[in-house]
Structure formats: C-alpha cells, structure tokens
Protein backbone atom coordinates (compact mmCIF):
# COMPACT_ATOMS: atom_id res chain seq x y z
CA MET A 1 0.09 0.22 0.21
CA SER A 2 1.21 3.33 -1.04
CA LEU A 3 1.93 5.90 1.72
CA LEU A 4 0.76 8.68 -0.34
CA ARG A 5 -2.91 8.31 0.30
CA LEU A 6 -4.21 12.02 -0.68
CA PRO A 7 -4.39 12.71 -4.32
CA PHE A 8 -2.32 15.78 -3.97
CA GLN A 9 0.43 13.96 -2.17
CA ARG A 10 0.89 11.91 -5.23
CA GLU A 11 0.61 14.54 -7.46
CA ILE A 12 3.48 16.41 -5.62
CA PHE A 13 5.59 13.04 -5.73
CA ALA A 14 4.89 12.77 -9.22
CA GLU A 15 6.24 16.31 -9.89
CA LEU A 16 9.11 15.82 -8.15
CA VAL A 17 10.24 12.55 -9.55
CA ASP A 18 9.55 13.91 -13.26
CA GLU A 19 10.98 17.29 -12.87
CA ASP A 20 13.71 18.92 -10.31
CA GLY A 21 11.89 20.61 -8.02
CA LEU A 22 11.74 22.35 -4.53
CA LEU A 23 9.20 21.58 -2.20
CA VAL A 24 7.69 23.98 0.30
CA LEU A 25 4.85 22.54 2.56
CA ALA A 26 2.87 23.83 5.32
CA LYS A 27 2.66 21.64 8.49
CA GLY A 28 0.00 19.11 8.66
CA LEU A 29 0.10 18.43 4.90
CA GLY A 30 1.91 15.17 5.03
CA LEU A 31 5.52 15.77 4.47
CA LEU A 32 6.92 12.42 6.18
CA PRO A 33 5.15 10.09 3.56
CA ILE A 34 6.40 12.40 0.62
CA LEU A 35 9.98 12.28 1.98
CA VAL A 36 9.97 8.54 2.68
CA SER A 37 8.40 7.88 -0.45
CA LEU A 38 11.27 9.90 -2.19
CA LEU A 39 13.73 7.94 -0.09
CA GLN A 40 12.84 4.80 -1.38
CA LEU A 41 14.02 6.10 -5.16
CA PRO A 42 17.62 5.68 -4.60
CA ILE A 43 17.11 2.23 -3.11
CA GLU A 44 15.00 1.29 -6.36
CA ARG A 45 17.36 3.02 -8.92
CA LYS A 46 20.51 2.79 -6.95
CA THR A 47 21.04 6.67 -7.04
CA LEU A 48 22.16 9.29 -4.61
CA MET A 49 19.72 11.56 -2.66
CA LEU A 50 20.82 14.47 -0.42
CA LEU A 51 18.71 15.64 2.51
CA LEU A 52 19.90 18.81 4.21
CA ASN A 53 19.30 20.71 7.18
CA VAL A 54 17.42 17.72 8.97
CA SER A 55 16.81 17.94 12.69
CA ASN A 56 17.88 14.83 14.95
CA ALA A 57 14.10 14.40 15.60
CA GLU A 58 13.29 14.37 12.01
CA GLU A 59 16.24 12.07 10.91
CA GLN A 60 14.79 9.37 13.62
CA GLU A 61 11.53 9.78 12.44
CA LEU A 62 12.66 9.33 8.68
CA ARG A 63 14.83 6.39 9.88
CA LEU A 64 11.69 4.75 11.64
CA ALA A 65 9.33 5.06 8.72
CA LEU A 66 11.93 3.88 6.11
CA SER A 67 12.83 0.99 8.03
CA GLN A 68 8.91 0.15 8.70
CA LEU A 69 8.21 0.67 5.19
CA THR A 70 11.38 -1.58 3.91
CA GLY A 71 11.12 -4.14 6.50
CA GLY A 72 14.55 -2.83 7.85
CA GLN A 73 16.38 -3.57 4.33
CA ALA A 74 16.96 0.05 3.80
CA THR A 75 18.93 2.54 6.14
CA LEU A 76 19.69 6.08 5.84
CA ARG A 77 23.69 6.94 5.60
CA ILE A 78 24.07 10.39 7.41
CA LEU A 79 26.86 12.44 6.76
CA LYS A 80 27.68 15.35 9.09
CA ASN A 81 30.37 17.92 9.51
CA ASP A 82 32.32 15.65 11.98
CA THR A 83 32.29 12.78 9.43
CA PHE A 84 35.95 11.81 8.42
CA ALA A 85 36.83 11.97 4.76
CA GLU A 86 37.43 8.07 4.85
CA GLU A 87 34.12 7.15 5.98
CA ARG A 88 32.15 9.12 3.15
C-alpha cells in the first residue's frame, strides 16, 4: 500500500520525480509520507539523494518510517560535519 494516500500528495511526488523541484509544504499536509516515498527512489534506482538541514528528531522519524516500510532493508547514511573523509 502506498504511503501517499491523498491525491495532492501523489501529485506532489510525481512532479518531484518527473522534474527537478523544490517543495515548500505547510505543517500538517503530510510531508513525512512524501519524504519517505522519495527516499525509496535511491534504493530502487541505486542513485544518490541528499537531504539537507534535517533535525535529529526528523532524522529519527525518517529512519523509523523507512525501516518500517522496507522491513529493515533500507537505512539512511548520515554524513555530518564531523564525518571523516575516509568514512564518506
């Protein structure tokens, strides 16, 4: 079952995938399902995705949602300012 239950969420997702885009979304409109759906794309397509300026709480929420959706098969690789070059 898709996380994107509402038509406008599916439309946002499709537009972001089909075209390069910037999404500005008000609270309460379902950003988490859209982000988790977008985070699945690099797994399926073996590509790179960068997600910038995410708080620790948001990072944990995304990790949990992605893990639940993929049965623990997918994880996020977090690179921060203190990540050594050898680890990147």
